[in-house]
Amino acid sequence: MRASKQVSAYYRMIYLLFRGEPFAEEDYEAAITEIWDAEKKYNPEFIGFKWDDKNPRVQLEPRGERGYIELVPVKKI
């Protein structure tokens, strides 16, 4: 029997967090759109990063009491 080696890589992802204001539960679509519009306008190069399209976004459940939260992956320039 031969021993096999497992190779694992550690990937560190960096995210920008976008968080909206609290909203009425029935207005969740507008809350999400507000965050998406803010993401489109933001240029992460201002802080030395660029968008990272190879890693997943993280979208938390829209909850009115805390606002909509979405994390967008970035990478260092």
N, C-alpha and C. Protein backbone atom coordinates (compact mmCIF):
# COMPACT_ATOMS: atom_id res chain seq x y z
N MET A 1 0.83 -1.17 0.00
CA MET A 1 0.00 0.00 0.00
C MET A 1 0.89 1.25 0.00
N ARG A 2 0.57 2.15 -0.90
CA ARG A 2 1.34 3.39 -0.98
C ARG A 2 0.65 4.50 -0.22
N ALA A 3 1.46 5.30 0.38
CA ALA A 3 0.92 6.48 1.06
C ALA A 3 0.73 7.59 0.03
N SER A 4 -0.30 8.32 0.17
CA SER A 4 -0.52 9.44 -0.75
C SER A 4 -0.46 10.74 0.03
N LYS A 5 -0.04 11.75 -0.66
CA LYS A 5 0.04 13.07 -0.04
C LYS A 5 -1.16 13.89 -0.48
N GLN A 6 -1.71 14.58 0.45
CA GLN A 6 -2.76 15.52 0.11
C GLN A 6 -2.17 16.91 0.09
N VAL A 7 -2.47 17.61 -0.96
CA VAL A 7 -2.00 18.98 -1.08
C VAL A 7 -3.19 19.89 -0.84
N SER A 8 -3.05 20.75 0.08
CA SER A 8 -4.13 21.72 0.31
C SER A 8 -3.54 23.12 0.25
N ALA A 9 -4.33 24.00 -0.25
CA ALA A 9 -3.89 25.38 -0.36
C ALA A 9 -4.79 26.25 0.51
N TYR A 10 -4.21 27.21 1.11
CA TYR A 10 -4.97 28.16 1.93
C TYR A 10 -5.19 29.42 1.10
N TYR A 11 -6.44 29.73 0.89
CA TYR A 11 -6.76 30.93 0.13
C TYR A 11 -7.33 31.97 1.07
N ARG A 12 -6.79 33.14 1.00
CA ARG A 12 -7.28 34.24 1.81
C ARG A 12 -7.99 35.22 0.91
N MET A 13 -9.24 35.44 1.17
CA MET A 13 -10.02 36.37 0.38
C MET A 13 -10.25 37.64 1.18
N ILE A 14 -10.30 38.75 0.48
CA ILE A 14 -10.54 40.04 1.10
C ILE A 14 -11.86 40.57 0.55
N TYR A 15 -12.68 41.10 1.43
CA TYR A 15 -14.00 41.59 1.02
C TYR A 15 -14.22 43.03 1.47
N LEU A 16 -14.97 43.77 0.66
CA LEU A 16 -15.51 45.05 1.09
C LEU A 16 -16.94 44.80 1.53
N LEU A 17 -17.32 45.37 2.64
CA LEU A 17 -18.66 45.19 3.17
C LEU A 17 -19.50 46.43 2.85
N PHE A 18 -20.65 46.20 2.24
CA PHE A 18 -21.61 47.25 1.98
C PHE A 18 -22.83 46.97 2.85
N ARG A 19 -23.24 47.98 3.60
CA ARG A 19 -24.38 47.80 4.51
C ARG A 19 -25.33 48.98 4.38
N GLY A 20 -26.59 48.66 4.12
CA GLY A 20 -27.60 49.70 3.99
C GLY A 20 -28.24 50.04 5.32
N GLU A 21 -29.08 51.05 5.26
CA GLU A 21 -29.84 51.48 6.43
C GLU A 21 -30.96 50.47 6.73
N PRO A 22 -31.43 50.43 7.96
CA PRO A 22 -32.60 49.59 8.26
C PRO A 22 -33.77 49.99 7.36
N PHE A 23 -34.65 49.02 7.08
CA PHE A 23 -35.76 49.27 6.16
C PHE A 23 -36.99 48.49 6.60
N ALA A 24 -38.14 48.90 6.08
CA ALA A 24 -39.38 48.16 6.32
C ALA A 24 -39.29 46.85 5.53
N GLU A 25 -39.69 45.76 6.14
CA GLU A 25 -39.56 44.43 5.51
C GLU A 25 -40.12 44.38 4.09
N GLU A 26 -41.23 45.06 3.86
CA GLU A 26 -41.84 45.03 2.52
C GLU A 26 -41.02 45.80 1.48
N ASP A 27 -40.02 46.57 1.92
CA ASP A 27 -39.18 47.35 1.01
C ASP A 27 -37.82 46.70 0.75
N TYR A 28 -37.73 45.39 0.93
CA TYR A 28 -36.43 44.72 0.81
C TYR A 28 -35.82 44.85 -0.58
N GLU A 29 -36.63 44.85 -1.64
CA GLU A 29 -36.08 44.97 -3.00
C GLU A 29 -35.39 46.31 -3.19
N ALA A 30 -35.98 47.38 -2.69
CA ALA A 30 -35.38 48.71 -2.79
C ALA A 30 -34.07 48.76 -1.98
N ALA A 31 -34.05 48.08 -0.84
CA ALA A 31 -32.84 48.06 0.00
C ALA A 31 -31.69 47.36 -0.73
N ILE A 32 -31.99 46.27 -1.41
CA ILE A 32 -30.96 45.56 -2.17
C ILE A 32 -30.47 46.41 -3.33
N THR A 33 -31.40 47.02 -4.05
CA THR A 33 -31.04 47.87 -5.19
C THR A 33 -30.16 49.03 -4.76
N GLU A 34 -30.44 49.60 -3.59
CA GLU A 34 -29.64 50.70 -3.07
C GLU A 34 -28.17 50.27 -2.89
N ILE A 35 -27.97 49.08 -2.35
CA ILE A 35 -26.60 48.58 -2.14
C ILE A 35 -25.94 48.29 -3.48
N TRP A 36 -26.66 47.66 -4.40
CA TRP A 36 -26.08 47.35 -5.71
C TRP A 36 -25.68 48.63 -6.44
N ASP A 37 -26.49 49.69 -6.32
CA ASP A 37 -26.15 50.97 -6.95
C ASP A 37 -24.88 51.56 -6.32
N ALA A 38 -24.77 51.45 -5.00
CA ALA A 38 -23.57 51.95 -4.32
C ALA A 38 -22.33 51.19 -4.76
N GLU A 39 -22.45 49.87 -4.93
CA GLU A 39 -21.31 49.06 -5.38
C GLU A 39 -20.85 49.49 -6.77
N LYS A 40 -21.80 49.77 -7.66
CA LYS A 40 -21.47 50.18 -9.02
C LYS A 40 -20.71 51.49 -9.05
N LYS A 41 -21.01 52.39 -8.11
CA LYS A 41 -20.39 53.71 -8.07
C LYS A 41 -19.02 53.70 -7.38
N TYR A 42 -18.77 52.70 -6.56
CA TYR A 42 -17.54 52.70 -5.76
C TYR A 42 -16.35 52.19 -6.56
N ASN A 43 -15.23 52.87 -6.42
CA ASN A 43 -14.00 52.47 -7.08
C ASN A 43 -13.00 52.04 -6.01
N PRO A 44 -12.75 50.74 -5.86
CA PRO A 44 -11.85 50.27 -4.80
C PRO A 44 -10.38 50.63 -5.04
N GLU A 45 -10.04 51.14 -6.22
CA GLU A 45 -8.65 51.55 -6.48
C GLU A 45 -8.24 52.68 -5.55
N PHE A 46 -9.21 53.43 -5.06
CA PHE A 46 -8.97 54.53 -4.12
C PHE A 46 -8.24 54.03 -2.87
N ILE A 47 -8.49 52.78 -2.49
CA ILE A 47 -7.85 52.22 -1.29
C ILE A 47 -6.84 51.13 -1.64
N GLY A 48 -6.44 51.06 -2.94
CA GLY A 48 -5.39 50.12 -3.34
C GLY A 48 -5.87 48.72 -3.70
N PHE A 49 -7.15 48.58 -4.08
CA PHE A 49 -7.70 47.28 -4.44
C PHE A 49 -8.41 47.37 -5.79
N LYS A 50 -8.75 46.20 -6.32
CA LYS A 50 -9.62 46.14 -7.50
C LYS A 50 -10.59 44.99 -7.28
N TRP A 51 -11.70 45.03 -8.02
CA TRP A 51 -12.72 43.99 -7.87
C TRP A 51 -12.13 42.63 -8.22
N ASP A 52 -12.54 41.60 -7.51
CA ASP A 52 -12.06 40.24 -7.73
C ASP A 52 -13.24 39.38 -8.21
N ASP A 53 -13.36 39.25 -9.52
CA ASP A 53 -14.49 38.51 -10.10
C ASP A 53 -14.33 36.99 -10.01
N LYS A 54 -13.20 36.52 -9.51
CA LYS A 54 -12.98 35.07 -9.44
C LYS A 54 -13.46 34.46 -8.11
N ASN A 55 -13.81 35.30 -7.17
CA ASN A 55 -14.29 34.82 -5.88
C ASN A 55 -15.75 35.21 -5.69
N PRO A 56 -16.46 34.48 -4.84
CA PRO A 56 -17.90 34.72 -4.69
C PRO A 56 -18.23 35.94 -3.84
N ARG A 57 -19.36 36.53 -4.16
CA ARG A 57 -19.95 37.56 -3.30
C ARG A 57 -20.64 36.85 -2.14
N VAL A 58 -20.81 37.56 -1.06
CA VAL A 58 -21.55 37.01 0.08
C VAL A 58 -22.73 37.94 0.31
N GLN A 59 -23.92 37.40 0.19
CA GLN A 59 -25.15 38.18 0.37
C GLN A 59 -25.90 37.64 1.58
N LEU A 60 -26.02 38.48 2.60
CA LEU A 60 -26.74 38.06 3.78
C LEU A 60 -28.24 38.28 3.58
N GLU A 61 -29.01 37.52 4.28
CA GLU A 61 -30.46 37.64 4.20
C GLU A 61 -30.89 39.08 4.48
N PRO A 62 -31.72 39.65 3.59
CA PRO A 62 -32.20 41.01 3.86
C PRO A 62 -33.08 41.02 5.11
N ARG A 63 -32.66 41.76 6.12
CA ARG A 63 -33.44 41.87 7.36
C ARG A 63 -33.58 43.34 7.69
N GLY A 64 -34.81 43.77 7.78
CA GLY A 64 -35.10 45.19 7.95
C GLY A 64 -34.43 45.85 9.14
N GLU A 65 -34.34 45.14 10.25
CA GLU A 65 -33.81 45.77 11.47
C GLU A 65 -32.32 46.08 11.40
N ARG A 66 -31.58 45.41 10.52
CA ARG A 66 -30.13 45.67 10.45
C ARG A 66 -29.71 46.24 9.11
N GLY A 67 -30.61 46.24 8.11
CA GLY A 67 -30.24 46.71 6.78
C GLY A 67 -29.70 45.55 5.95
N TYR A 68 -29.63 45.76 4.65
CA TYR A 68 -29.10 44.72 3.76
C TYR A 68 -27.58 44.77 3.78
N ILE A 69 -26.94 43.60 3.81
CA ILE A 69 -25.49 43.51 3.86
C ILE A 69 -25.01 42.62 2.73
N GLU A 70 -24.01 43.11 2.02
CA GLU A 70 -23.39 42.32 0.96
C GLU A 70 -21.88 42.54 1.02
N LEU A 71 -21.12 41.46 0.87
CA LEU A 71 -19.66 41.54 0.84
C LEU A 71 -19.20 41.23 -0.57
N VAL A 72 -18.33 42.10 -1.08
CA VAL A 72 -17.86 41.98 -2.46
C VAL A 72 -16.35 41.72 -2.43
N PRO A 73 -15.87 40.68 -3.14
CA PRO A 73 -14.45 40.35 -3.09
C PRO A 73 -13.59 41.36 -3.84
N VAL A 74 -12.43 41.64 -3.27
CA VAL A 74 -11.44 42.53 -3.88
C VAL A 74 -10.08 41.89 -3.76
N LYS A 75 -9.12 42.39 -4.54
CA LYS A 75 -7.74 41.94 -4.41
C LYS A 75 -6.82 43.14 -4.48
N LYS A 76 -5.69 43.04 -3.82
CA LYS A 76 -4.69 44.11 -3.76
C LYS A 76 -4.13 44.38 -5.15
N ILE A 77 -3.94 45.64 -5.45
CA ILE A 77 -3.34 46.01 -6.76
C ILE A 77 -1.84 45.86 -6.67
